[in-house]
Amino acid sequence: MLSVRKRGQLTGHNAAIFALGSDATEQSFLSGAGDGWVVRWDLDSPETGRLIAKVETQIFSLFYLPESERVVVGNMNGGIHWVDLNDPEQTRNIAHHQKGIYDLIRVGDHLYSAGGGGMLTRWSVPETRSLESLQLTNQSLRALDYSPQRHELVVGASDNTIYLLDADTLTIKHQQQQAHDNSVFTVRYHPDGQHLLSGGRDAHLRIWTIDDQGLHPVAAHPAHWFTINSIAIDPRGRWFATGSRDKTIKIWDAKTFELRKVLETARDGCHVNSVNRLYWSPYRDELISCSDDRSMIIWEVKEE
């Protein structure tokens, strides 16, 4: 039996929270929100967060760079902020994408940004500058992930398409058109390297197998009532979670892809507004969710 316990609800942001990510230590994590704040939280004493950086507009995405103690922040207007945590006044804001930056991911010395104008950009982490951009579509790029087994990037887009790209050349290896009936909002490679999970505005969770010919549908679950905004995978590969605009979180078996648990507002104390992002911490394997309700919830997930 899967047991999920709400361990705490964190408040402090003054607007909807859109971004969660790793930090300098496993026991801490970062959040970014519509108030422009980047806040550090400690899972051992989560009651109080610490404001570590502030930008002038809404934060849609963030990524921590440990070797330089920087946080890269993507804002709602397409700007990339390279925040030096030791000297925040020296933060560089590069106006780059046409619209919001919905996701950031790192592969080696490169950072990739997904923009609302349909452009994917590769950045040099050591030089904090853009190297090249690829216009994939004229609609928003909503989500990114990387497969080390396949050395491949996956991009979910609002043109209903999932793109698979070679991580070195950015050559498009495969386009899965009409992957969802509406925008593809979230994509995650399964730890086995042979499956891909995707969620969309059509509220469906789709499971795909991957080979050299591309993506092949395995299952399509009408998982939620509204948009699936985020998918997070347990660090040990046992489960994955989906978070939705319908205010619920669902936890699935990563081997069988069967639904194991539903977390709701009334019964479980889940969020009262849209669940925007999920982050599964490697520290105690706790699941963290954030919402339009300006709060984050820490969930303890265990098999009993």
C-alpha atoms as a PDB file:
ATOM      1  CA  MET A   1       0.000   0.000   0.000  1.00  0.00           C
ATOM      2  CA  LEU A   2       1.268   3.461  -0.888  1.00  0.00           C
ATOM      3  CA  SER A   3       1.185   5.931   1.986  1.00  0.00           C
ATOM      4  CA  VAL A   4       1.356   9.685   1.354  1.00  0.00           C
ATOM      5  CA  ARG A   5       1.485  12.117   4.265  1.00  0.00           C
ATOM      6  CA  LYS A   6       1.414  15.904   4.122  1.00  0.00           C
ATOM      7  CA  ARG A   7       4.454  16.951   6.145  1.00  0.00           C
ATOM      8  CA  GLY A   8       4.131  20.685   5.854  1.00  0.00           C
ATOM      9  CA  GLN A   9       2.785  23.619   3.865  1.00  0.00           C
ATOM     10  CA  LEU A  10       5.219  26.431   3.123  1.00  0.00           C
ATOM     11  CA  THR A  11       4.141  30.039   2.669  1.00  0.00           C
ATOM     12  CA  GLY A  12       6.066  33.237   2.103  1.00  0.00           C
ATOM     13  CA  HIS A  13       5.687  34.062  -1.578  1.00  0.00           C
ATOM     14  CA  ASN A  14       3.282  36.857  -2.464  1.00  0.00           C
ATOM     15  CA  ALA A  15       2.156  35.437  -5.797  1.00  0.00           C
ATOM     16  CA  ALA A  16       1.640  32.184  -7.671  1.00  0.00           C
ATOM     17  CA  ILE A  17       4.653  29.856  -7.577  1.00  0.00           C
ATOM     18  CA  PHE A  18       5.770  28.484 -10.938  1.00  0.00           C
ATOM     19  CA  ALA A  19       9.324  27.174 -10.431  1.00  0.00           C
ATOM     20  CA  LEU A  20      10.988  24.608  -8.169  1.00  0.00           C
ATOM     21  CA  GLY A  21      14.502  23.240  -8.375  1.00  0.00           C
ATOM     22  CA  SER A  22      17.554  21.760  -6.715  1.00  0.00           C
ATOM     23  CA  ASP A  23      19.968  23.770  -4.591  1.00  0.00           C
ATOM     24  CA  ALA A  24      23.516  23.647  -3.201  1.00  0.00           C
ATOM     25  CA  THR A  25      22.650  20.758  -0.859  1.00  0.00           C
ATOM     26  CA  GLU A  26      20.233  17.866  -1.190  1.00  0.00           C
ATOM     27  CA  GLN A  27      18.298  18.968   1.891  1.00  0.00           C
ATOM     28  CA  SER A  28      17.467  22.373   0.409  1.00  0.00           C
ATOM     29  CA  PHE A  29      15.550  23.470  -2.666  1.00  0.00           C
ATOM     30  CA  LEU A  30      14.675  26.690  -4.476  1.00  0.00           C
ATOM     31  CA  SER A  31      11.391  28.257  -5.485  1.00  0.00           C
ATOM     32  CA  GLY A  32      10.574  31.081  -7.882  1.00  0.00           C
ATOM     33  CA  ALA A  33       7.280  32.914  -8.186  1.00  0.00           C
ATOM     34  CA  GLY A  34       5.238  35.698  -9.698  1.00  0.00           C
ATOM     35  CA  ASP A  35       6.602  38.071  -7.053  1.00  0.00           C
ATOM     36  CA  GLY A  36      10.065  37.840  -8.657  1.00  0.00           C
ATOM     37  CA  TRP A  37      11.564  36.196  -5.581  1.00  0.00           C
ATOM     38  CA  VAL A  38      13.974  33.257  -5.463  1.00  0.00           C
ATOM     39  CA  VAL A  39      13.633  31.624  -2.046  1.00  0.00           C
ATOM     40  CA  ARG A  40      15.780  28.911  -0.437  1.00  0.00           C
ATOM     41  CA  TRP A  41      14.043  26.312   1.760  1.00  0.00           C
ATOM     42  CA  ASP A  42      15.566  23.732   4.130  1.00  0.00           C
ATOM     43  CA  LEU A  43      13.708  20.414   4.332  1.00  0.00           C
ATOM     44  CA  ASP A  44      14.963  19.883   7.903  1.00  0.00           C
ATOM     45  CA  SER A  45      13.441  23.185   9.045  1.00  0.00           C
ATOM     46  CA  PRO A  46      11.016  24.184   6.307  1.00  0.00           C
ATOM     47  CA  GLU A  47       8.964  26.697   8.289  1.00  0.00           C
ATOM     48  CA  THR A  48      11.087  29.647   7.199  1.00  0.00           C
ATOM     49  CA  GLY A  49      12.417  30.318   3.727  1.00  0.00           C
ATOM     50  CA  ARG A  50      15.249  32.724   2.944  1.00  0.00           C
ATOM     51  CA  LEU A  51      15.031  35.246   0.119  1.00  0.00           C
ATOM     52  CA  ILE A  52      18.280  34.894  -1.845  1.00  0.00           C
ATOM     53  CA  ALA A  53      17.519  36.886  -4.990  1.00  0.00           C
ATOM     54  CA  LYS A  54      14.889  39.123  -6.538  1.00  0.00           C
ATOM     55  CA  VAL A  55      14.147  40.089 -10.131  1.00  0.00           C
ATOM     56  CA  GLU A  56      11.752  42.712 -11.399  1.00  0.00           C
ATOM     57  CA  THR A  57       9.165  40.467 -13.047  1.00  0.00           C
ATOM     58  CA  GLN A  58       7.438  37.081 -12.748  1.00  0.00           C
ATOM     59  CA  ILE A  59       9.678  33.999 -12.579  1.00  0.00           C
ATOM     60  CA  PHE A  60       8.573  31.058 -14.721  1.00  0.00           C
ATOM     61  CA  SER A  61      11.684  28.826 -14.423  1.00  0.00           C
ATOM     62  CA  LEU A  62      14.974  28.511 -12.559  1.00  0.00           C
ATOM     63  CA  PHE A  63      18.114  26.374 -12.462  1.00  0.00           C
ATOM     64  CA  TYR A  64      20.923  26.305  -9.871  1.00  0.00           C
ATOM     65  CA  LEU A  65      24.583  26.186 -10.975  1.00  0.00           C
ATOM     66  CA  PRO A  66      26.618  24.888  -8.004  1.00  0.00           C
ATOM     67  CA  GLU A  67      30.149  25.517  -9.285  1.00  0.00           C
ATOM     68  CA  SER A  68      29.587  29.269  -9.690  1.00  0.00           C
ATOM     69  CA  GLU A  69      26.897  29.703  -7.015  1.00  0.00           C
ATOM     70  CA  ARG A  70      24.548  31.177  -9.572  1.00  0.00           C
ATOM     71  CA  VAL A  71      20.844  30.756 -10.189  1.00  0.00           C
ATOM     72  CA  VAL A  72      19.646  31.116 -13.761  1.00  0.00           C
ATOM     73  CA  VAL A  73      16.127  32.541 -13.815  1.00  0.00           C
ATOM     74  CA  GLY A  74      13.731  32.674 -16.771  1.00  0.00           C
ATOM     75  CA  ASN A  75      11.102  35.393 -16.575  1.00  0.00           C
ATOM     76  CA  MET A  76       7.684  35.971 -18.118  1.00  0.00           C
ATOM     77  CA  ASN A  77       9.037  38.428 -20.713  1.00  0.00           C
ATOM     78  CA  GLY A  78      11.726  36.158 -22.151  1.00  0.00           C
ATOM     79  CA  GLY A  79      14.610  37.486 -20.079  1.00  0.00           C
ATOM     80  CA  ILE A  80      17.366  35.266 -18.653  1.00  0.00           C
ATOM     81  CA  HIS A  81      18.863  36.400 -15.333  1.00  0.00           C
ATOM     82  CA  TRP A  82      22.283  35.057 -14.335  1.00  0.00           C
ATOM     83  CA  VAL A  83      22.067  35.679 -10.590  1.00  0.00           C
ATOM     84  CA  ASP A  84      25.369  35.622  -8.700  1.00  0.00           C
ATOM     85  CA  LEU A  85      24.315  34.671  -5.166  1.00  0.00           C
ATOM     86  CA  ASN A  86      27.534  36.102  -3.717  1.00  0.00           C
ATOM     87  CA  ASP A  87      26.945  39.453  -5.412  1.00  0.00           C
ATOM     88  CA  PRO A  88      23.269  39.761  -6.449  1.00  0.00           C
ATOM     89  CA  GLU A  89      23.788  43.370  -7.537  1.00  0.00           C
ATOM     90  CA  GLN A  90      25.873  42.060 -10.447  1.00  0.00           C
ATOM     91  CA  THR A  91      22.966  40.034 -11.843  1.00  0.00           C
ATOM     92  CA  ARG A  92      22.883  40.006 -15.636  1.00  0.00           C
ATOM     93  CA  ASN A  93      19.470  40.174 -17.290  1.00  0.00           C
ATOM     94  CA  ILE A  94      19.668  39.205 -20.953  1.00  0.00           C
ATOM     95  CA  ALA A  95      16.523  39.981 -22.967  1.00  0.00           C
ATOM     96  CA  HIS A  96      16.548  36.995 -25.300  1.00  0.00           C
ATOM     97  CA  HIS A  97      13.302  35.145 -25.933  1.00  0.00           C
ATOM     98  CA  GLN A  98      10.210  36.858 -27.313  1.00  0.00           C
ATOM     99  CA  LYS A  99       7.907  35.636 -24.561  1.00  0.00           C
ATOM    100  CA  GLY A 100       8.138  33.728 -21.270  1.00  0.00           C
ATOM    101  CA  ILE A 101      10.843  31.145 -20.574  1.00  0.00           C
ATOM    102  CA  TYR A 102       8.935  28.081 -19.443  1.00  0.00           C
ATOM    103  CA  ASP A 103      11.756  25.639 -18.759  1.00  0.00           C
ATOM    104  CA  LEU A 104      15.526  25.403 -18.257  1.00  0.00           C
ATOM    105  CA  ILE A 105      17.717  22.307 -18.270  1.00  0.00           C
ATOM    106  CA  ARG A 106      21.449  21.689 -18.070  1.00  0.00           C
ATOM    107  CA  VAL A 107      23.544  19.186 -20.032  1.00  0.00           C
ATOM    108  CA  GLY A 108      27.266  19.367 -19.232  1.00  0.00           C
ATOM    109  CA  ASP A 109      28.598  22.887 -19.840  1.00  0.00           C
ATOM    110  CA  HIS A 110      25.437  23.897 -21.657  1.00  0.00           C
ATOM    111  CA  LEU A 111      22.120  25.265 -20.460  1.00  0.00           C
ATOM    112  CA  TYR A 112      19.015  25.092 -22.637  1.00  0.00           C
ATOM    113  CA  SER A 113      16.082  27.495 -22.454  1.00  0.00           C
ATOM    114  CA  ALA A 114      12.582  26.938 -23.872  1.00  0.00           C
ATOM    115  CA  GLY A 115      10.863  30.131 -24.961  1.00  0.00           C
ATOM    116  CA  GLY A 116       7.282  31.188 -25.496  1.00  0.00           C
ATOM    117  CA  GLY A 117       8.133  32.292 -29.035  1.00  0.00           C
ATOM    118  CA  GLY A 118       8.993  28.724 -30.073  1.00  0.00           C
ATOM    119  CA  MET A 119      12.769  29.083 -29.881  1.00  0.00           C
ATOM    120  CA  LEU A 120      15.203  26.724 -28.124  1.00  0.00           C
ATOM    121  CA  THR A 121      18.520  28.314 -27.104  1.00  0.00           C
ATOM    122  CA  ARG A 122      21.792  26.727 -26.017  1.00  0.00           C
ATOM    123  CA  TRP A 123      23.868  28.759 -23.544  1.00  0.00           C
ATOM    124  CA  SER A 124      27.448  28.407 -22.351  1.00  0.00           C
ATOM    125  CA  VAL A 125      27.424  27.952 -18.581  1.00  0.00           C
ATOM    126  CA  PRO A 126      31.072  29.058 -18.039  1.00  0.00           C
ATOM    127  CA  GLU A 127      30.667  32.143 -20.261  1.00  0.00           C
ATOM    128  CA  THR A 128      27.010  32.958 -19.366  1.00  0.00           C
ATOM    129  CA  ARG A 129      26.196  33.711 -22.985  1.00  0.00           C
ATOM    130  CA  SER A 130      24.022  32.268 -25.740  1.00  0.00           C
ATOM    131  CA  LEU A 131      25.716  30.037 -28.309  1.00  0.00           C
ATOM    132  CA  GLU A 132      22.965  29.182 -30.774  1.00  0.00           C
ATOM    133  CA  SER A 133      19.197  29.147 -31.163  1.00  0.00           C
ATOM    134  CA  LEU A 134      16.793  26.913 -33.037  1.00  0.00           C
ATOM    135  CA  GLN A 135      13.318  28.060 -34.065  1.00  0.00           C
ATOM    136  CA  LEU A 136      11.296  24.858 -33.650  1.00  0.00           C
ATOM    137  CA  THR A 137       7.817  26.350 -34.078  1.00  0.00           C
ATOM    138  CA  ASN A 138       5.967  29.649 -33.865  1.00  0.00           C
ATOM    139  CA  GLN A 139       4.187  28.490 -30.717  1.00  0.00           C
ATOM    140  CA  SER A 140       5.410  28.168 -27.117  1.00  0.00           C
ATOM    141  CA  LEU A 141       7.971  25.613 -26.026  1.00  0.00           C
ATOM    142  CA  ARG A 142       6.620  24.450 -22.669  1.00  0.00           C
ATOM    143  CA  ALA A 143       8.934  21.716 -21.351  1.00  0.00           C
ATOM    144  CA  LEU A 144      12.398  20.176 -21.658  1.00  0.00           C
ATOM    145  CA  ASP A 145      14.121  17.004 -20.484  1.00  0.00           C
ATOM    146  CA  TYR A 146      17.342  15.137 -21.227  1.00  0.00           C
ATOM    147  CA  SER A 147      18.100  11.421 -21.625  1.00  0.00           C
ATOM    148  CA  PRO A 148      21.716  10.521 -20.782  1.00  0.00           C
ATOM    149  CA  GLN A 149      21.225   7.042 -22.256  1.00  0.00           C
ATOM    150  CA  ARG A 150      20.190   8.489 -25.616  1.00  0.00           C
ATOM    151  CA  HIS A 151      22.104  11.804 -25.312  1.00  0.00           C
ATOM    152  CA  GLU A 152      18.892  13.385 -26.458  1.00  0.00           C
ATOM    153  CA  LEU A 153      16.708  16.372 -25.636  1.00  0.00           C
ATOM    154  CA  VAL A 154      12.937  16.212 -25.658  1.00  0.00           C
ATOM    155  CA  VAL A 155      10.829  19.335 -26.123  1.00  0.00           C
ATOM    156  CA  GLY A 156       7.092  19.626 -25.499  1.00  0.00           C
ATOM    157  CA  ALA A 157       5.384  22.411 -27.460  1.00  0.00           C
ATOM    158  CA  SER A 158       2.079  24.226 -27.784  1.00  0.00           C
ATOM    159  CA  ASP A 159       1.790  23.101 -31.420  1.00  0.00           C
ATOM    160  CA  ASN A 160       0.757  19.712 -29.918  1.00  0.00           C
ATOM    161  CA  THR A 161       4.137  18.246 -30.943  1.00  0.00           C
ATOM    162  CA  ILE A 162       6.907  16.434 -29.080  1.00  0.00           C
ATOM    163  CA  TYR A 163      10.374  17.010 -30.571  1.00  0.00           C
ATOM    164  CA  LEU A 164      13.383  14.714 -30.060  1.00  0.00           C
ATOM    165  CA  LEU A 165      16.744  16.415 -30.702  1.00  0.00           C
ATOM    166  CA  ASP A 166      20.360  15.263 -30.756  1.00  0.00           C
ATOM    167  CA  ALA A 167      21.925  16.968 -27.716  1.00  0.00           C
ATOM    168  CA  ASP A 168      25.169  17.783 -29.581  1.00  0.00           C
ATOM    169  CA  THR A 169      23.978  18.993 -32.970  1.00  0.00           C
ATOM    170  CA  LEU A 170      20.382  19.989 -32.068  1.00  0.00           C
ATOM    171  CA  THR A 171      19.318  18.074 -35.172  1.00  0.00           C
ATOM    172  CA  ILE A 172      15.661  17.073 -34.993  1.00  0.00           C
ATOM    173  CA  LYS A 173      15.641  13.273 -34.814  1.00  0.00           C
ATOM    174  CA  HIS A 174      11.869  12.911 -34.638  1.00  0.00           C
ATOM    175  CA  GLN A 175       8.703  14.995 -34.498  1.00  0.00           C
ATOM    176  CA  GLN A 176       5.641  13.401 -32.924  1.00  0.00           C
ATOM    177  CA  GLN A 177       2.894  15.591 -34.308  1.00  0.00           C
ATOM    178  CA  GLN A 178      -0.507  15.546 -32.590  1.00  0.00           C
ATOM    179  CA  ALA A 179       1.168  13.914 -29.595  1.00  0.00           C
ATOM    180  CA  HIS A 180      -1.664  15.440 -27.558  1.00  0.00           C
ATOM    181  CA  ASP A 181      -4.975  16.980 -28.570  1.00  0.00           C
ATOM    182  CA  ASN A 182      -3.697  20.327 -27.321  1.00  0.00           C
ATOM    183  CA  SER A 183      -0.453  21.886 -26.006  1.00  0.00           C
ATOM    184  CA  VAL A 184       2.186  19.528 -24.561  1.00  0.00           C
ATOM    185  CA  PHE A 185       2.913  21.058 -21.144  1.00  0.00           C
ATOM    186  CA  THR A 186       5.306  18.536 -19.573  1.00  0.00           C
ATOM    187  CA  VAL A 187       7.693  15.768 -20.721  1.00  0.00           C
ATOM    188  CA  ARG A 188       9.866  13.368 -18.705  1.00  0.00           C
ATOM    189  CA  TYR A 189      12.180  10.559 -19.741  1.00  0.00           C
ATOM    190  CA  HIS A 190      11.623   7.399 -17.734  1.00  0.00           C
ATOM    191  CA  PRO A 191      14.777   6.286 -15.867  1.00  0.00           C
ATOM    192  CA  ASP A 192      14.891   3.111 -17.991  1.00  0.00           C
ATOM    193  CA  GLY A 193      15.705   5.225 -21.061  1.00  0.00           C
ATOM    194  CA  GLN A 194      13.089   3.320 -23.060  1.00  0.00           C
ATOM    195  CA  HIS A 195       9.953   5.251 -22.174  1.00  0.00           C
ATOM    196  CA  LEU A 196       8.792   8.857 -22.288  1.00  0.00           C
ATOM    197  CA  LEU A 197       5.989  10.367 -20.213  1.00  0.00           C
ATOM    198  CA  SER A 198       4.051  13.408 -21.431  1.00  0.00           C
ATOM    199  CA  GLY A 199       1.171  15.489 -20.130  1.00  0.00           C
ATOM    200  CA  GLY A 200      -0.873  18.072 -21.911  1.00  0.00           C
ATOM    201  CA  ARG A 201      -3.576  20.645 -21.909  1.00  0.00           C
ATOM    202  CA  ASP A 202      -5.907  17.820 -22.976  1.00  0.00           C
ATOM    203  CA  ALA A 203      -5.533  16.483 -19.383  1.00  0.00           C
ATOM    204  CA  HIS A 204      -4.123  13.192 -20.681  1.00  0.00           C
ATOM    205  CA  LEU A 205      -1.045  11.355 -19.457  1.00  0.00           C
ATOM    206  CA  ARG A 206       0.590   9.574 -22.365  1.00  0.00           C
ATOM    207  CA  ILE A 207       3.238   6.867 -22.191  1.00  0.00           C
ATOM    208  CA  TRP A 208       5.533   6.216 -25.138  1.00  0.00           C
ATOM    209  CA  THR A 209       8.312   3.799 -25.988  1.00  0.00           C
ATOM    210  CA  ILE A 210      11.379   5.250 -27.735  1.00  0.00           C
ATOM    211  CA  ASP A 211      13.618   3.696 -30.360  1.00  0.00           C
ATOM    212  CA  ASP A 212      15.613   4.873 -33.381  1.00  0.00           C
ATOM    213  CA  GLN A 213      12.386   5.316 -35.345  1.00  0.00           C
ATOM    214  CA  GLY A 214      10.924   7.689 -32.766  1.00  0.00           C
ATOM    215  CA  LEU A 215       8.009   7.477 -30.333  1.00  0.00           C
ATOM    216  CA  HIS A 216       5.400   4.721 -30.171  1.00  0.00           C
ATOM    217  CA  PRO A 217       2.227   5.074 -28.054  1.00  0.00           C
ATOM    218  CA  VAL A 218       1.785   2.616 -25.187  1.00  0.00           C
ATOM    219  CA  ALA A 219      -1.088   4.133 -23.220  1.00  0.00           C
ATOM    220  CA  ALA A 220      -3.150   7.301 -22.896  1.00  0.00           C
ATOM    221  CA  HIS A 221      -4.826   7.921 -19.544  1.00  0.00           C
ATOM    222  CA  PRO A 222      -7.475  10.638 -19.042  1.00  0.00           C
ATOM    223  CA  ALA A 223      -5.560  11.350 -15.858  1.00  0.00           C
ATOM    224  CA  HIS A 224      -6.951  14.738 -14.792  1.00  0.00           C
ATOM    225  CA  TRP A 225      -9.881  17.088 -15.414  1.00  0.00           C
ATOM    226  CA  PHE A 226      -7.697  19.938 -16.654  1.00  0.00           C
ATOM    227  CA  THR A 227      -4.138  20.617 -17.902  1.00  0.00           C
ATOM    228  CA  ILE A 228      -1.309  18.435 -16.589  1.00  0.00           C
ATOM    229  CA  ASN A 229       1.294  21.053 -15.732  1.00  0.00           C
ATOM    230  CA  SER A 230       4.115  18.911 -14.374  1.00  0.00           C
ATOM    231  CA  ILE A 231       5.503  15.377 -14.094  1.00  0.00           C
ATOM    232  CA  ALA A 232       8.161  14.438 -11.522  1.00  0.00           C
ATOM    233  CA  ILE A 233       9.866  11.065 -11.101  1.00  0.00           C
ATOM    234  CA  ASP A 234      10.900   9.592  -7.755  1.00  0.00           C
ATOM    235  CA  PRO A 235      14.736   9.617  -7.544  1.00  0.00           C
ATOM    236  CA  ARG A 236      14.742   5.847  -7.025  1.00  0.00           C
ATOM    237  CA  GLY A 237      12.481   5.261 -10.020  1.00  0.00           C
ATOM    238  CA  ARG A 238       9.596   3.626  -8.143  1.00  0.00           C
ATOM    239  CA  TRP A 239       6.857   6.176  -8.819  1.00  0.00           C
ATOM    240  CA  PHE A 240       6.096   9.331 -10.731  1.00  0.00           C
ATOM    241  CA  ALA A 241       3.654  12.125  -9.959  1.00  0.00           C
ATOM    242  CA  THR A 242       1.448  14.347 -12.106  1.00  0.00           C
ATOM    243  CA  GLY A 243       0.236  17.786 -11.010  1.00  0.00           C
ATOM    244  CA  SER A 244      -2.696  19.521 -12.629  1.00  0.00           C
ATOM    245  CA  ARG A 245      -4.720  22.695 -12.932  1.00  0.00           C
ATOM    246  CA  ASP A 246      -7.562  20.631 -11.421  1.00  0.00           C
ATOM    247  CA  LYS A 247      -5.774  21.104  -8.018  1.00  0.00           C
ATOM    248  CA  THR A 248      -4.906  17.412  -7.621  1.00  0.00           C
ATOM    249  CA  ILE A 249      -1.683  15.408  -7.562  1.00  0.00           C
ATOM    250  CA  LYS A 250      -1.692  11.792  -8.725  1.00  0.00           C
ATOM    251  CA  ILE A 251       1.027   9.247  -8.022  1.00  0.00           C
ATOM    252  CA  TRP A 252       1.634   6.402 -10.462  1.00  0.00           C
ATOM    253  CA  ASP A 253       3.646   3.184 -10.439  1.00  0.00           C
ATOM    254  CA  ALA A 254       6.729   3.707 -12.620  1.00  0.00           C
ATOM    255  CA  LYS A 255       6.880   0.044 -13.656  1.00  0.00           C
ATOM    256  CA  THR A 256       3.229  -0.762 -14.377  1.00  0.00           C
ATOM    257  CA  PHE A 257       2.083   2.847 -15.049  1.00  0.00           C
ATOM    258  CA  GLU A 258      -0.946   2.202 -12.844  1.00  0.00           C
ATOM    259  CA  LEU A 259      -2.479   4.904 -10.658  1.00  0.00           C
ATOM    260  CA  ARG A 260      -1.543   4.405  -7.002  1.00  0.00           C
ATOM    261  CA  LYS A 261      -2.761   7.516  -5.152  1.00  0.00           C
ATOM    262  CA  VAL A 262      -4.855  10.652  -5.644  1.00  0.00           C
ATOM    263  CA  LEU A 263      -4.200  13.702  -3.459  1.00  0.00           C
ATOM    264  CA  GLU A 264      -7.201  16.027  -3.218  1.00  0.00           C
ATOM    265  CA  THR A 265      -7.958  19.307  -1.458  1.00  0.00           C
ATOM    266  CA  ALA A 266     -10.761  18.249   0.883  1.00  0.00           C
ATOM    267  CA  ARG A 267      -9.475  14.815   1.889  1.00  0.00           C
ATOM    268  CA  ASP A 268      -5.697  15.252   1.837  1.00  0.00           C
ATOM    269  CA  GLY A 269      -5.142  18.977   2.297  1.00  0.00           C
ATOM    270  CA  CYS A 270      -3.854  19.410  -1.251  1.00  0.00           C
ATOM    271  CA  HIS A 271      -3.704  22.804  -2.939  1.00  0.00           C
ATOM    272  CA  VAL A 272      -6.764  25.020  -3.377  1.00  0.00           C
ATOM    273  CA  ASN A 273      -5.623  26.244  -6.820  1.00  0.00           C
ATOM    274  CA  SER A 274      -3.694  24.919  -9.798  1.00  0.00           C
ATOM    275  CA  VAL A 275      -0.663  22.694  -9.095  1.00  0.00           C
ATOM    276  CA  ASN A 276       2.001  24.330 -11.273  1.00  0.00           C
ATOM    277  CA  ARG A 277       5.213  22.383 -10.661  1.00  0.00           C
ATOM    278  CA  LEU A 278       6.456  19.251  -8.898  1.00  0.00           C
ATOM    279  CA  TYR A 279       9.969  18.537  -7.621  1.00  0.00           C
ATOM    280  CA  TRP A 280      10.948  15.160  -6.166  1.00  0.00           C
ATOM    281  CA  SER A 281      13.816  15.776  -3.778  1.00  0.00           C
ATOM    282  CA  PRO A 282      16.664  13.244  -3.456  1.00  0.00           C
ATOM    283  CA  TYR A 283      16.700  14.081   0.265  1.00  0.00           C
ATOM    284  CA  ARG A 284      14.341  11.628   2.006  1.00  0.00           C
ATOM    285  CA  ASP A 285      12.617  11.188  -1.385  1.00  0.00           C
ATOM    286  CA  GLU A 286      10.052  13.847  -0.502  1.00  0.00           C
ATOM    287  CA  LEU A 287       7.755  15.259  -3.161  1.00  0.00           C
ATOM    288  CA  ILE A 288       7.301  19.035  -3.246  1.00  0.00           C
ATOM    289  CA  SER A 289       4.437  20.760  -5.048  1.00  0.00           C
ATOM    290  CA  CYS A 290       3.762  24.441  -5.715  1.00  0.00           C
ATOM    291  CA  SER A 291       0.626  26.238  -6.716  1.00  0.00           C
ATOM    292  CA  ASP A 292      -1.284  29.338  -7.735  1.00  0.00           C
ATOM    293  CA  ASP A 293      -2.372  29.423  -4.077  1.00  0.00           C
ATOM    294  CA  ARG A 294       1.111  30.864  -3.228  1.00  0.00           C
ATOM    295  CA  SER A 295       2.132  27.847  -1.176  1.00  0.00           C
ATOM    296  CA  MET A 296       4.251  24.714  -1.429  1.00  0.00           C
ATOM    297  CA  ILE A 297       3.469  21.357   0.158  1.00  0.00           C
ATOM    298  CA  ILE A 298       5.993  18.725   1.254  1.00  0.00           C
ATOM    299  CA  TRP A 299       4.691  15.175   0.785  1.00  0.00           C
ATOM    300  CA  GLU A 300       6.210  12.103   2.419  1.00  0.00           C
ATOM    301  CA  VAL A 301       5.677   9.116   0.080  1.00  0.00           C
ATOM    302  CA  LYS A 302       6.266   5.590   1.352  1.00  0.00           C
ATOM    303  CA  GLU A 303       5.369   1.996   0.548  1.00  0.00           C
ATOM    304  CA  GLU A 304       3.836   0.264   3.583  1.00  0.00           C
END
